[in-house]
Structures are given as C-alpha cells and as structure tokens.
Amino acid sequence: MTLRDRLNELSPLGGTPVFGEPHETPDGTTVITVTEPGLFGPRARGVFVVSGGNVEWVCTTNGERVALLGVLTGLIAAAFATAAAIKRPPWPDTRITITKNL
C-alpha cells in the first residue's frame, strides 16, 4: 500500500472510529475495542466496558508519545541554553589594557 492510499483512507476530521468485535470475559463483562485509522496503521483510542447494565468508556494513553515529547522538550531547551552560552558566555568580560606612562 502506498502513502497516497493511506492518506486517502483518512477522513478530514481525524478518522472514523472502528469498533472491534465484542469480547465477553468469564465474569460476564463485555469489552468492545475502539480504534481509529492513522497514517502508520490503526491507533487504539479506548474500550467500552459493559458490566451489569453500566457502560464505561476507558480511554487509552500512549506512554511512548508522552515520553518522546518530554525528551524532545529537554533537548530543545538544552540546545537553546547552549546557543545562548556560546553567543554570550556567562563569565564576566576580561580585558587587558596596556597604559604607557609618559
């Protein structure tokens, strides 16, 4: 599948949710997965948990993306601090002047 085919699959509002097959656990709880088409394949959005007549939505979080955002923020901050220190070092100006007494 080409990139153009992948892009044509996406809707303008971020994708249409795709509901998975319901799975029933031994205690009678039904779990329905929800995914969304993405550029690099389907992305999990969460699950519906149906138990005892109550429906609960459990959203998923991607810990890798959160960690990547933290690492990139630190890297950019370090780059700016390094650039500022190179342009204007934090130590005081030192000048050597020679004066001649006539």
Protein backbone atom coordinates (compact mmCIF):
# COMPACT_ATOMS: atom_id res chain seq x y z
CA MET A 1 0.00 0.00 0.00
CA THR A 2 1.39 3.37 -0.96
CA LEU A 3 1.41 6.55 1.09
CA ARG A 4 -1.22 8.07 -1.19
CA ASP A 5 -3.56 5.13 -0.47
CA ARG A 6 -3.00 5.59 3.27
CA LEU A 7 -3.75 9.32 3.06
CA ASN A 8 -6.93 8.66 1.08
CA GLU A 9 -8.15 6.39 3.88
CA LEU A 10 -8.04 9.21 6.43
CA SER A 11 -11.05 11.45 6.87
CA PRO A 12 -10.51 15.22 7.32
CA LEU A 13 -11.63 15.13 10.97
CA GLY A 14 -9.05 12.60 12.13
CA GLY A 15 -10.67 9.34 11.12
CA THR A 16 -13.83 7.40 11.71
CA PRO A 17 -13.78 5.17 14.78
CA VAL A 18 -13.71 1.45 14.10
CA PHE A 19 -15.40 -0.77 16.68
CA GLY A 20 -13.98 -4.23 17.27
CA GLU A 21 -15.80 -7.46 17.96
CA PRO A 22 -17.29 -7.66 21.46
CA HIS A 23 -15.37 -9.92 23.83
CA GLU A 24 -17.07 -11.41 26.87
CA THR A 25 -14.98 -12.16 29.95
CA PRO A 26 -15.73 -15.09 32.30
CA ASP A 27 -17.42 -12.76 34.82
CA GLY A 28 -19.93 -11.55 32.19
CA THR A 29 -18.29 -8.22 31.34
CA THR A 30 -18.30 -7.29 27.66
CA VAL A 31 -15.35 -5.35 26.24
CA ILE A 32 -15.54 -3.53 22.88
CA THR A 33 -12.31 -2.04 21.48
CA VAL A 34 -12.30 1.24 19.56
CA THR A 35 -9.54 2.12 17.09
CA GLU A 36 -9.02 4.89 14.58
CA PRO A 37 -7.21 4.70 11.25
CA GLY A 38 -3.91 6.53 11.28
CA LEU A 39 -1.09 7.27 8.90
CA PHE A 40 1.01 4.33 10.13
CA GLY A 41 -1.83 1.92 10.87
CA PRO A 42 -4.72 1.75 13.32
CA ARG A 43 -4.36 3.56 16.63
CA ALA A 44 -6.13 2.43 19.79
CA ARG A 45 -8.50 5.02 21.25
CA GLY A 46 -10.03 3.09 24.12
CA VAL A 47 -12.53 0.43 25.12
CA PHE A 48 -16.18 0.32 26.11
CA VAL A 49 -16.73 -1.86 29.16
CA VAL A 50 -20.29 -3.13 29.60
CA SER A 51 -20.87 -4.69 33.01
CA GLY A 52 -24.15 -5.18 34.85
CA GLY A 53 -26.07 -2.79 32.61
CA ASN A 54 -23.50 0.01 33.07
CA VAL A 55 -21.35 1.24 30.20
CA GLU A 56 -17.95 2.77 30.93
CA TRP A 57 -15.51 4.37 28.46
CA VAL A 58 -11.83 3.74 29.24
CA CYS A 59 -9.51 5.96 27.19
CA THR A 60 -6.05 4.76 26.24
CA THR A 61 -2.87 6.79 26.55
CA ASN A 62 0.33 6.19 24.68
CA GLY A 63 3.20 6.39 27.17
CA GLU A 64 5.80 6.33 24.41
CA ARG A 65 4.45 9.51 22.85
CA VAL A 66 4.36 11.28 26.22
CA ALA A 67 7.96 10.23 26.93
CA LEU A 68 9.08 11.33 23.46
CA LEU A 69 7.51 14.74 24.00
CA GLY A 70 9.39 15.11 27.30
CA VAL A 71 12.71 14.11 25.75
CA LEU A 72 12.26 16.49 22.81
CA THR A 73 11.35 19.36 25.15
CA GLY A 74 14.53 18.78 27.16
CA LEU A 75 16.63 18.53 24.01
CA ILE A 76 15.30 21.80 22.62
CA ALA A 77 15.82 23.57 25.97
CA ALA A 78 19.42 22.30 26.13
CA ALA A 79 20.07 23.46 22.55
CA PHE A 80 18.76 26.97 23.32
CA ALA A 81 20.83 27.18 26.52
CA THR A 82 23.96 26.06 24.66
CA ALA A 83 23.39 28.58 21.88
CA ALA A 84 22.89 31.39 24.42
CA ALA A 85 26.07 30.44 26.30
CA ILE A 86 28.12 30.36 23.11
CA LYS A 87 26.83 33.72 21.94
CA ARG A 88 27.26 35.43 25.32
CA PRO A 89 29.25 33.40 27.86
CA PRO A 90 28.08 33.63 31.47
CA TRP A 91 31.52 34.57 32.85
CA PRO A 92 32.47 38.27 33.11
CA ASP A 93 34.27 40.19 30.42
CA THR A 94 38.04 40.32 30.87
CA ARG A 95 40.10 42.91 29.09
CA ILE A 96 43.80 43.53 29.14
CA THR A 97 44.79 47.13 28.64
CA ILE A 98 48.33 48.43 28.39
CA THR A 99 48.90 52.00 29.50
CA LYS A 100 52.08 53.89 28.78
CA ASN A 101 53.31 56.41 31.28
CA LEU A 102 54.91 59.35 29.55
